[in-house]
Protein backbone atom coordinates (compact mmCIF):
# COMPACT_ATOMS: atom_id res chain seq x y z
CA UNK A 1 0.00 0.00 0.00
CA UNK A 2 1.16 3.51 -0.73
CA UNK A 3 1.42 6.44 1.58
CA UNK A 4 0.22 10.02 1.28
CA UNK A 5 1.68 12.91 3.24
CA UNK A 6 0.70 16.53 3.54
CA UNK A 7 3.01 19.50 3.97
CA UNK A 8 0.94 21.74 6.24
CA UNK A 9 3.27 24.73 6.34
CA UNK A 10 0.39 27.20 6.17
CA UNK A 11 -1.44 26.02 9.27
CA UNK A 12 1.57 24.59 11.13
CA UNK A 13 4.84 26.31 10.10
CA UNK A 14 7.92 24.22 10.82
CA UNK A 15 10.69 26.40 9.40
CA UNK A 16 12.97 26.06 12.42
CA UNK A 17 12.95 22.27 12.21
CA UNK A 18 12.74 21.95 8.43
CA UNK A 19 14.94 19.37 6.75
CA UNK A 20 13.42 19.65 3.27
CA UNK A 21 15.23 20.72 0.14
CA UNK A 22 14.53 20.52 -3.58
CA UNK A 23 16.89 20.02 -6.49
CA UNK A 24 15.40 21.42 -9.69
CA UNK A 25 15.86 19.99 -13.17
CA UNK A 26 18.20 22.89 -14.00
CA UNK A 27 20.56 22.03 -11.13
CA UNK A 28 19.47 24.55 -8.51
CA UNK A 29 19.24 23.60 -4.84
CA UNK A 30 16.31 25.22 -3.04
CA UNK A 31 16.61 25.29 0.75
CA UNK A 32 12.94 26.16 1.17
CA UNK A 33 9.92 24.70 -0.58
CA UNK A 34 8.77 28.29 -1.23
CA UNK A 35 12.15 29.76 -2.24
CA UNK A 36 12.25 32.16 -5.17
CA UNK A 37 15.92 31.55 -5.96
CA UNK A 38 18.15 28.52 -5.74
CA UNK A 39 21.83 27.74 -5.28
CA UNK A 40 23.55 26.62 -8.49
CA UNK A 41 24.99 23.11 -8.33
CA UNK A 42 25.07 22.50 -12.08
CA UNK A 43 28.14 24.71 -12.53
CA UNK A 44 30.28 22.85 -10.00
CA UNK A 45 29.06 19.50 -11.36
CA UNK A 46 30.01 20.47 -14.90
CA UNK A 47 33.37 21.70 -13.63
CA UNK A 48 34.06 18.23 -12.25
CA UNK A 49 33.33 18.75 -8.55
CA UNK A 50 33.72 15.54 -6.58
CA UNK A 51 31.49 14.18 -3.86
CA UNK A 52 33.42 15.86 -1.04
CA UNK A 53 33.24 19.26 -2.73
CA UNK A 54 29.51 18.89 -3.42
CA UNK A 55 28.87 17.82 0.17
CA UNK A 56 30.77 20.90 1.32
CA UNK A 57 28.81 23.21 -0.98
CA UNK A 58 25.45 21.78 0.03
CA UNK A 59 26.34 21.69 3.74
CA UNK A 60 27.65 25.25 3.62
CA UNK A 61 24.54 26.51 1.89
CA UNK A 62 22.25 24.62 4.27
CA UNK A 63 24.11 26.00 7.29
CA UNK A 64 23.66 29.58 6.07
CA UNK A 65 20.01 29.37 5.12
CA UNK A 66 17.61 31.86 6.61
CA UNK A 67 14.43 30.69 4.89
CA UNK A 68 11.38 31.29 7.09
CA UNK A 69 8.69 31.87 4.49
CA UNK A 70 5.90 30.03 6.30
CA UNK A 71 6.65 31.67 9.65
CA UNK A 72 6.83 35.14 8.12
CA UNK A 73 3.92 34.81 5.66
CA UNK A 74 1.50 36.93 7.76
CA UNK A 75 4.08 39.72 8.18
CA UNK A 76 4.82 39.70 4.44
CA UNK A 77 1.12 40.01 3.64
CA UNK A 78 0.78 42.97 6.03
CA UNK A 79 3.53 44.86 4.17
CA UNK A 80 1.76 44.35 0.85
CA UNK A 81 4.65 42.25 -0.45
CA UNK A 82 3.61 38.64 0.11
CA UNK A 83 6.20 37.21 -2.32
CA UNK A 84 3.90 34.27 -2.97
CA UNK A 85 5.76 31.32 -4.42
CA UNK A 86 4.17 28.11 -5.63
CA UNK A 87 5.99 24.81 -5.04
CA UNK A 88 5.15 23.62 -8.57
CA UNK A 89 7.49 26.28 -9.97
CA UNK A 90 10.43 24.30 -8.54
CA UNK A 91 9.05 20.87 -9.36
CA UNK A 92 8.47 17.96 -7.13
């Protein structure tokens, strides 16, 4: 039997404990499901980056992330700049 899961970030934000990332078809790593921009991994891959270098790049990016879209959504709406992003634009 299969399994279905729901990402309830609107009603129950979990930004502080989030462990989700997306890798798009064009080689961008998104550290938030609602991110507008991603971190380019295609360039390093094409330049011959090895596993250790890629792990370092991904770990470094993950450690510096400040994505809190779901937690800040209400504040963004109040400023008139909700920066709405749809997950389907990344893929997944």
